[in-house]
Amino acid sequence: MKDLLVKINAEIETFKVESESLTEKGIKAAGARARKSTLEIEKLLKEFRKVSIEESKK
């Protein structure tokens, strides 16, 4: 579970950096990287939900 949380936080940080690059600096490639990051965050959050439900059943 801790590993998963570390991955989620790292991916959120990546999204923050890339979205700032897009909005503040106008770097178009950063937009693609930010969108890719959102997909990875989505997968990680689904995994967190699954693990969290399993843990609550114990």
C-alpha atoms as a PDB file:
ATOM      1  CA  MET A   1       0.000   0.000   0.000  1.00  0.00           C
ATOM      2  CA  LYS A   2       2.832   2.393   0.855  1.00  0.00           C
ATOM      3  CA  ASP A   3       4.490   1.704  -2.494  1.00  0.00           C
ATOM      4  CA  LEU A   4       1.262   2.537  -4.258  1.00  0.00           C
ATOM      5  CA  LEU A   5       0.925   5.824  -2.374  1.00  0.00           C
ATOM      6  CA  VAL A   6       4.476   6.777  -3.314  1.00  0.00           C
ATOM      7  CA  LYS A   7       3.718   6.076  -6.983  1.00  0.00           C
ATOM      8  CA  ILE A   8       0.492   8.121  -6.835  1.00  0.00           C
ATOM      9  CA  ASN A   9       2.242  11.097  -5.235  1.00  0.00           C
ATOM     10  CA  ALA A  10       5.097  10.935  -7.749  1.00  0.00           C
ATOM     11  CA  GLU A  11       2.683  10.865 -10.683  1.00  0.00           C
ATOM     12  CA  ILE A  12       0.695  13.782  -9.258  1.00  0.00           C
ATOM     13  CA  GLU A  13       3.926  15.749  -8.925  1.00  0.00           C
ATOM     14  CA  THR A  14       4.781  14.947 -12.548  1.00  0.00           C
ATOM     15  CA  PHE A  15       1.359  16.189 -13.603  1.00  0.00           C
ATOM     16  CA  LYS A  16       1.839  19.431 -11.660  1.00  0.00           C
ATOM     17  CA  VAL A  17       5.205  20.106 -13.277  1.00  0.00           C
ATOM     18  CA  GLU A  18       4.021  19.342 -16.811  1.00  0.00           C
ATOM     19  CA  SER A  19       0.768  21.280 -16.508  1.00  0.00           C
ATOM     20  CA  GLU A  20       2.674  24.310 -15.202  1.00  0.00           C
ATOM     21  CA  SER A  21       5.073  24.055 -18.140  1.00  0.00           C
ATOM     22  CA  LEU A  22       2.108  24.046 -20.482  1.00  0.00           C
ATOM     23  CA  THR A  23       0.188  26.912 -18.924  1.00  0.00           C
ATOM     24  CA  GLU A  24       3.031  29.198 -17.851  1.00  0.00           C
ATOM     25  CA  LYS A  25       5.680  28.553 -20.477  1.00  0.00           C
ATOM     26  CA  GLY A  26       3.468  27.491 -23.363  1.00  0.00           C
ATOM     27  CA  ILE A  27       5.375  24.269 -23.997  1.00  0.00           C
ATOM     28  CA  LYS A  28       2.930  22.237 -26.088  1.00  0.00           C
ATOM     29  CA  ALA A  29       4.720  18.915 -25.567  1.00  0.00           C
ATOM     30  CA  ALA A  30       4.169  19.316 -21.834  1.00  0.00           C
ATOM     31  CA  GLY A  31       0.431  19.089 -22.501  1.00  0.00           C
ATOM     32  CA  ALA A  32       0.844  15.623 -23.962  1.00  0.00           C
ATOM     33  CA  ARG A  33       2.984  14.555 -21.030  1.00  0.00           C
ATOM     34  CA  ALA A  34       0.420  15.953 -18.574  1.00  0.00           C
ATOM     35  CA  ARG A  35      -2.398  14.064 -20.307  1.00  0.00           C
ATOM     36  CA  LYS A  36      -0.355  10.852 -20.218  1.00  0.00           C
ATOM     37  CA  SER A  37       0.215  11.431 -16.538  1.00  0.00           C
ATOM     38  CA  THR A  38      -3.524  11.759 -15.891  1.00  0.00           C
ATOM     39  CA  LEU A  39      -4.077   8.330 -17.439  1.00  0.00           C
ATOM     40  CA  GLU A  40      -1.441   6.828 -15.179  1.00  0.00           C
ATOM     41  CA  ILE A  41      -2.959   8.566 -12.140  1.00  0.00           C
ATOM     42  CA  GLU A  42      -6.338   7.112 -13.072  1.00  0.00           C
ATOM     43  CA  LYS A  43      -4.907   3.576 -13.174  1.00  0.00           C
ATOM     44  CA  LEU A  44      -3.099   4.044  -9.875  1.00  0.00           C
ATOM     45  CA  LEU A  45      -6.202   5.411  -8.156  1.00  0.00           C
ATOM     46  CA  LYS A  46      -8.252   2.457  -9.357  1.00  0.00           C
ATOM     47  CA  GLU A  47      -5.592   0.144  -7.945  1.00  0.00           C
ATOM     48  CA  PHE A  48      -5.655   2.085  -4.667  1.00  0.00           C
ATOM     49  CA  ARG A  49      -9.408   1.667  -4.453  1.00  0.00           C
ATOM     50  CA  LYS A  50      -9.074  -2.070  -5.025  1.00  0.00           C
ATOM     51  CA  VAL A  51      -6.333  -2.470  -2.397  1.00  0.00           C
ATOM     52  CA  SER A  52      -8.148  -0.235   0.063  1.00  0.00           C
ATOM     53  CA  ILE A  53     -11.333  -2.307  -0.174  1.00  0.00           C
ATOM     54  CA  GLU A  54      -9.335  -5.505   0.342  1.00  0.00           C
ATOM     55  CA  GLU A  55      -7.623  -4.024   3.406  1.00  0.00           C
ATOM     56  CA  SER A  56     -10.922  -2.904   4.930  1.00  0.00           C
ATOM     57  CA  LYS A  57     -12.289  -6.453   4.715  1.00  0.00           C
ATOM     58  CA  LYS A  58      -9.514  -7.812   6.952  1.00  0.00           C
END
